[in-house]
């Protein structure tokens, strides 16, 4: 069974489950990315049926607005997405073709996680020649647990607003999550202390929030421009740069093509660190806690 077939089968099964709910089922939540599906599960439990439009092995910038996704959005009570233009290539199509007025921007059923955090890398100019630049700032907010906590507070309130009959449940689950999350965050920060100041190369500018949180120092990017695959000439430039600005390791996400990172690794003699980036990006990243557990563990391996 190919990976693509497996992903398709998983999404098909999830879609079928989403549509087969009994009439008395509670909230139907469609999450644009797995991290928000996982957060919704933490806060809603059995009070909602949750469908993730994407997997961690897909680039969230480039998704096809498949009929199954349109149908899922058509039946949703709540649509939780990152926003900050991350889904600009496909979400507008889903919203338009679904015809679901409840989940349109500006309605209670539409939730943008990035609206509740301070965004980094807000550009001073907008030019398509600069690559895939987001006017609202870098959208990859899920790599800093501080952001997850802020989004959780906002999402918990939104769930209670949409489903007041279960408001007490959402409040209790939010409090429980935040208690466990605060403890886990303290543990992650203690474990990650050796990473502070480490110089790294990244494949895509997907980690400014992670870098800001852990004190990592990004010195180069494999993509010549955001969203543009690494070219041989740019990789050579990065290799030359590392002669005077050495780095400890290269970071790429699980869904990234590995060829550019492996080439640089072999020529610069530094390891490649693969982080899950989202829930489901590795065997260990089965939920939000596992996502950060594995992220820290993989980064620490890069120092060895």
Protein backbone atom coordinates (compact mmCIF):
# COMPACT_ATOMS: atom_id res chain seq x y z
CA UNK A 1 0.00 0.00 0.00
CA UNK A 2 1.52 3.35 -1.00
CA UNK A 3 1.67 6.28 1.40
CA UNK A 4 -0.61 8.29 -0.88
CA UNK A 5 -3.17 5.49 -0.97
CA UNK A 6 -3.00 5.17 2.80
CA UNK A 7 -3.57 8.90 3.32
CA UNK A 8 -6.49 8.84 0.87
CA UNK A 9 -8.03 5.84 2.60
CA UNK A 10 -7.70 7.45 6.04
CA UNK A 11 -9.36 10.65 4.84
CA UNK A 12 -12.14 8.69 3.12
CA UNK A 13 -12.87 6.73 6.30
CA UNK A 14 -12.87 9.94 8.35
CA UNK A 15 -15.25 11.57 5.89
CA UNK A 16 -17.62 8.63 5.96
CA UNK A 17 -17.62 8.72 9.76
CA UNK A 18 -18.24 12.48 9.72
CA UNK A 19 -21.35 12.07 7.58
CA UNK A 20 -22.77 9.03 9.37
CA UNK A 21 -23.37 10.69 12.71
CA UNK A 22 -26.80 10.30 14.28
CA UNK A 23 -29.10 13.30 14.24
CA UNK A 24 -28.50 14.03 17.96
CA UNK A 25 -24.71 14.36 17.61
CA UNK A 26 -23.12 17.54 18.93
CA UNK A 27 -20.77 19.88 17.13
CA UNK A 28 -19.31 18.92 13.78
CA UNK A 29 -15.83 20.44 13.61
CA UNK A 30 -13.67 20.62 10.50
CA UNK A 31 -10.03 21.50 11.23
CA UNK A 32 -7.85 22.73 8.40
CA UNK A 33 -4.71 21.28 10.02
CA UNK A 34 -4.09 18.31 12.35
CA UNK A 35 -2.89 20.48 15.23
CA UNK A 36 -6.27 22.20 15.45
CA UNK A 37 -8.09 18.89 15.14
CA UNK A 38 -6.01 17.63 18.07
CA UNK A 39 -6.68 20.76 20.12
CA UNK A 40 -10.41 20.53 19.36
CA UNK A 41 -10.34 16.93 20.59
CA UNK A 42 -8.65 17.97 23.83
CA UNK A 43 -11.28 20.62 24.51
CA UNK A 44 -14.45 18.99 23.17
CA UNK A 45 -13.95 15.30 23.87
CA UNK A 46 -17.06 13.34 22.95
CA UNK A 47 -19.14 16.50 22.56
CA UNK A 48 -17.94 16.92 18.97
CA UNK A 49 -17.09 14.94 15.88
CA UNK A 50 -13.83 16.20 14.42
CA UNK A 51 -12.52 15.91 10.88
CA UNK A 52 -9.06 17.05 9.78
CA UNK A 53 -8.89 18.36 6.22
CA UNK A 54 -5.15 17.63 5.97
CA UNK A 55 -2.47 15.36 7.39
CA UNK A 56 0.99 16.15 8.73
CA UNK A 57 2.48 14.58 5.61
CA UNK A 58 0.94 17.27 3.40
CA UNK A 59 2.17 20.80 2.76
CA UNK A 60 -0.66 22.94 4.23
CA UNK A 61 0.04 25.66 1.67
CA UNK A 62 -0.90 23.42 -1.25
CA UNK A 63 -4.03 21.32 -0.81
CA UNK A 64 -6.63 20.34 -3.39
CA UNK A 65 -10.19 21.40 -2.59
CA UNK A 66 -11.49 17.87 -3.11
CA UNK A 67 -15.24 17.11 -3.18
CA UNK A 68 -14.88 15.26 0.16
CA UNK A 69 -13.50 18.42 1.80
CA UNK A 70 -16.24 20.57 0.32
CA UNK A 71 -18.85 18.15 1.64
CA UNK A 72 -17.25 18.15 5.10
CA UNK A 73 -17.29 21.94 5.28
CA UNK A 74 -20.89 21.97 4.04
CA UNK A 75 -21.92 19.97 7.12
CA UNK A 76 -19.69 21.72 9.66
CA UNK A 77 -20.79 23.77 12.65
CA UNK A 78 -17.25 25.04 13.25
CA UNK A 79 -14.30 25.47 10.93
CA UNK A 80 -10.96 25.87 12.73
CA UNK A 81 -8.04 27.00 10.58
CA UNK A 82 -4.69 28.67 11.06
CA UNK A 83 -5.45 31.74 8.97
CA UNK A 84 -2.75 34.32 8.25
CA UNK A 85 -3.10 33.31 4.59
CA UNK A 86 -1.77 29.78 5.16
CA UNK A 87 -4.80 28.24 3.44
CA UNK A 88 -5.34 31.02 0.91
CA UNK A 89 -4.79 28.67 -2.04
CA UNK A 90 -7.64 26.30 -1.16
CA UNK A 91 -9.83 27.43 1.73
CA UNK A 92 -11.75 30.12 -0.22
CA UNK A 93 -12.83 27.43 -2.68
CA UNK A 94 -14.12 25.23 0.15
CA UNK A 95 -16.01 28.12 1.73
CA UNK A 96 -17.54 29.22 -1.55
CA UNK A 97 -18.55 25.83 -2.84
CA UNK A 98 -19.78 24.48 0.50
CA UNK A 99 -22.53 27.09 0.69
CA UNK A 100 -22.42 26.84 4.49
CA UNK A 101 -23.22 30.27 5.88
CA UNK A 102 -22.37 29.20 9.45
CA UNK A 103 -18.64 28.87 8.78
CA UNK A 104 -18.00 31.91 6.61
CA UNK A 105 -15.47 34.52 7.82
CA UNK A 106 -17.03 36.81 10.38
CA UNK A 107 -19.45 34.16 11.63
CA UNK A 108 -19.12 32.35 14.99
CA UNK A 109 -18.54 29.10 13.14
CA UNK A 110 -15.31 30.40 11.56
CA UNK A 111 -12.22 30.33 13.78
CA UNK A 112 -8.72 31.53 12.82
CA UNK A 113 -6.08 30.46 15.32
CA UNK A 114 -3.48 33.00 14.17
CA UNK A 115 -5.81 35.84 15.16
CA UNK A 116 -5.13 35.13 18.83
CA UNK A 117 -1.32 35.21 18.86
CA UNK A 118 1.43 37.73 18.14
CA UNK A 119 2.73 36.94 14.67
CA UNK A 120 6.36 37.08 13.62
CA UNK A 121 8.01 37.98 10.31
CA UNK A 122 5.38 40.46 9.17
CA UNK A 123 6.79 41.70 5.83
CA UNK A 124 7.61 45.33 5.22
CA UNK A 125 6.77 44.93 1.55
CA UNK A 126 4.66 42.59 -0.57
CA UNK A 127 6.10 41.39 -3.87
CA UNK A 128 5.37 38.06 -5.54
CA UNK A 129 9.00 38.01 -6.62
CA UNK A 130 9.89 37.37 -2.97
CA UNK A 131 8.15 33.98 -3.00
CA UNK A 132 5.38 32.72 -0.74
CA UNK A 133 5.30 35.67 1.65
CA UNK A 134 2.30 36.12 3.95
CA UNK A 135 1.08 39.67 4.49
CA UNK A 136 -0.19 38.91 8.00
CA UNK A 137 3.10 37.36 9.13
CA UNK A 138 4.46 33.84 9.36
CA UNK A 139 1.49 31.48 9.80
CA UNK A 140 3.30 28.50 11.36
CA UNK A 141 2.29 29.45 14.88
CA UNK A 142 1.83 25.89 16.19
CA UNK A 143 5.55 25.33 16.82
CA UNK A 144 5.50 27.40 20.04
CA UNK A 145 3.47 25.95 22.95
CA UNK A 146 2.74 29.48 24.21
CA UNK A 147 0.68 29.98 21.07
CA UNK A 148 -1.15 26.69 21.55
CA UNK A 149 -2.19 27.83 25.04
CA UNK A 150 -3.53 31.15 23.73
CA UNK A 151 -5.46 29.46 20.94
CA UNK A 152 -6.87 26.93 23.42
CA UNK A 153 -8.36 29.72 25.55
CA UNK A 154 -10.03 31.29 22.52
CA UNK A 155 -11.23 27.99 21.10
CA UNK A 156 -12.68 26.91 24.43
CA UNK A 157 -14.74 30.10 24.53
CA UNK A 158 -15.89 29.60 20.96
CA UNK A 159 -17.03 26.04 21.66
CA UNK A 160 -19.08 27.28 24.62
CA UNK A 161 -20.59 30.02 22.47
CA UNK A 162 -21.66 27.58 19.77
CA UNK A 163 -22.84 24.88 22.17
CA UNK A 164 -23.93 26.57 25.42
CA UNK A 165 -25.59 23.38 26.67
CA UNK A 166 -22.14 21.86 27.08
CA UNK A 167 -20.32 25.04 28.16
CA UNK A 168 -19.43 23.62 31.57
CA UNK A 169 -17.79 20.60 29.94
CA UNK A 170 -15.71 22.79 27.63
CA UNK A 171 -14.61 24.98 30.54
CA UNK A 172 -13.58 22.00 32.62
CA UNK A 173 -11.70 20.36 29.77
CA UNK A 174 -9.93 23.64 28.97
CA UNK A 175 -8.79 24.03 32.57
CA UNK A 176 -7.54 20.46 32.64
CA UNK A 177 -5.71 20.88 29.36
CA UNK A 178 -4.05 24.13 30.42
CA UNK A 179 -2.86 22.56 33.68
CA UNK A 180 -1.28 19.62 31.87
CA UNK A 181 0.06 21.90 29.13
CA UNK A 182 1.75 24.29 31.58
CA UNK A 183 3.49 21.38 33.30
CA UNK A 184 4.58 19.89 29.98
CA UNK A 185 5.87 23.25 28.75
CA UNK A 186 8.05 23.64 31.84
CA UNK A 187 9.48 20.16 31.22
CA UNK A 188 10.13 20.87 27.52
CA UNK A 189 11.94 24.10 28.30
CA UNK A 190 14.15 22.38 30.87
CA UNK A 191 14.98 19.56 28.47
CA UNK A 192 15.65 21.97 25.60
CA UNK A 193 18.07 24.22 27.52
CA UNK A 194 21.14 22.84 25.65
CA UNK A 195 19.60 24.04 22.36
CA UNK A 196 19.78 27.72 23.27
CA UNK A 197 22.08 29.55 20.86
CA UNK A 198 22.45 26.58 18.50
CA UNK A 199 22.96 27.69 14.90
CA UNK A 200 20.71 25.88 12.44
CA UNK A 201 19.81 25.67 8.76
CA UNK A 202 16.13 25.27 7.91
CA UNK A 203 14.51 23.95 4.77
CA UNK A 204 11.50 26.28 4.84
CA UNK A 205 10.87 29.35 6.97
CA UNK A 206 8.49 27.32 9.09
CA UNK A 207 10.14 27.65 12.48
CA UNK A 208 10.47 31.29 13.63
CA UNK A 209 8.15 30.62 16.58
CA UNK A 210 10.10 27.50 17.53
CA UNK A 211 13.38 29.41 17.18
CA UNK A 212 12.06 32.30 19.26
CA UNK A 213 10.85 29.95 21.98
CA UNK A 214 14.00 27.83 22.25
CA UNK A 215 16.62 30.44 21.37
CA UNK A 216 17.73 28.73 18.15
CA UNK A 217 19.73 30.81 15.67
CA UNK A 218 18.73 30.34 12.03
CA UNK A 219 21.69 31.09 9.74
CA UNK A 220 20.45 29.84 6.36
CA UNK A 221 17.45 28.49 4.48
CA UNK A 222 17.51 25.74 1.86
CA UNK A 223 14.70 27.36 -0.12
CA UNK A 224 16.04 30.28 -2.18
CA UNK A 225 12.66 31.95 -1.58
CA UNK A 226 9.77 30.85 0.64
CA UNK A 227 7.82 28.10 -1.11
CA UNK A 228 10.47 27.56 -3.82
CA UNK A 229 12.14 24.14 -3.73
CA UNK A 230 15.90 24.10 -3.08
CA UNK A 231 17.97 24.54 -6.23
CA UNK A 232 21.47 23.16 -6.79
CA UNK A 233 22.94 26.65 -7.16
CA UNK A 234 21.34 27.90 -3.93
CA UNK A 235 22.43 24.79 -2.04
CA UNK A 236 25.99 25.46 -3.16
CA UNK A 237 25.69 29.02 -1.90
CA UNK A 238 24.48 27.76 1.48
CA UNK A 239 27.36 25.28 1.62
CA UNK A 240 29.84 28.09 0.99
CA UNK A 241 28.15 30.22 3.64
CA UNK A 242 28.52 27.45 6.20
CA UNK A 243 32.29 27.57 5.78
CA UNK A 244 32.31 30.88 7.62
CA UNK A 245 29.01 30.53 9.51
CA UNK A 246 28.89 26.88 10.60
CA UNK A 247 25.64 25.32 11.81
CA UNK A 248 24.97 22.36 14.08
CA UNK A 249 22.20 20.74 12.04
CA UNK A 250 19.55 21.12 9.34
CA UNK A 251 15.85 21.17 10.25
CA UNK A 252 13.10 20.02 7.93
CA UNK A 253 9.48 19.03 8.47
CA UNK A 254 8.23 15.50 7.96
CA UNK A 255 6.36 16.45 4.78
CA UNK A 256 9.35 18.15 3.10
CA UNK A 257 11.21 16.52 0.24
CA UNK A 258 14.47 15.26 1.77
CA UNK A 259 16.82 15.57 -1.21
CA UNK A 260 18.13 19.10 -0.64
CA UNK A 261 18.63 18.55 3.09
CA UNK A 262 20.44 15.25 2.53
CA UNK A 263 22.74 16.79 -0.10
CA UNK A 264 23.76 19.59 2.23
CA UNK A 265 24.13 17.17 5.11
CA UNK A 266 26.58 15.02 3.16
CA UNK A 267 28.64 17.96 1.92
CA UNK A 268 28.61 20.08 5.09
CA UNK A 269 28.93 17.05 7.41
CA UNK A 270 26.07 18.08 9.68
CA UNK A 271 22.99 15.99 10.51
CA UNK A 272 19.42 16.46 9.32
CA UNK A 273 16.77 16.77 12.03
CA UNK A 274 13.25 15.84 10.95
CA UNK A 275 10.57 17.35 13.18
CA UNK A 276 6.91 16.29 13.03
CA UNK A 277 5.72 19.90 12.56
CA UNK A 278 2.14 18.78 13.23
CA UNK A 279 0.26 16.01 14.96
CA UNK A 280 0.81 12.80 13.01
CA UNK A 281 4.19 13.85 11.63
CA UNK A 282 5.93 10.98 13.42
CA UNK A 283 5.05 7.83 15.33
CA UNK A 284 5.47 9.67 18.61
CA UNK A 285 3.49 12.74 17.61
CA UNK A 286 0.07 11.19 18.17
CA UNK A 287 -1.27 14.29 19.93
CA UNK A 288 -0.09 17.80 20.76
CA UNK A 289 1.96 16.62 23.73
CA UNK A 290 3.65 13.95 21.64
CA UNK A 291 4.33 16.47 18.89
CA UNK A 292 6.44 18.62 21.23
CA UNK A 293 7.96 15.61 22.99
CA UNK A 294 9.28 14.38 19.66
CA UNK A 295 10.28 17.82 18.41
CA UNK A 296 12.51 18.42 21.44
CA UNK A 297 13.92 14.91 21.28
CA UNK A 298 14.83 15.19 17.60
CA UNK A 299 16.41 18.62 18.02
CA UNK A 300 18.55 17.38 20.90
CA UNK A 301 19.75 14.49 18.74
CA UNK A 302 21.05 17.10 16.31
CA UNK A 303 23.52 18.28 18.96
CA UNK A 304 25.05 14.84 19.42
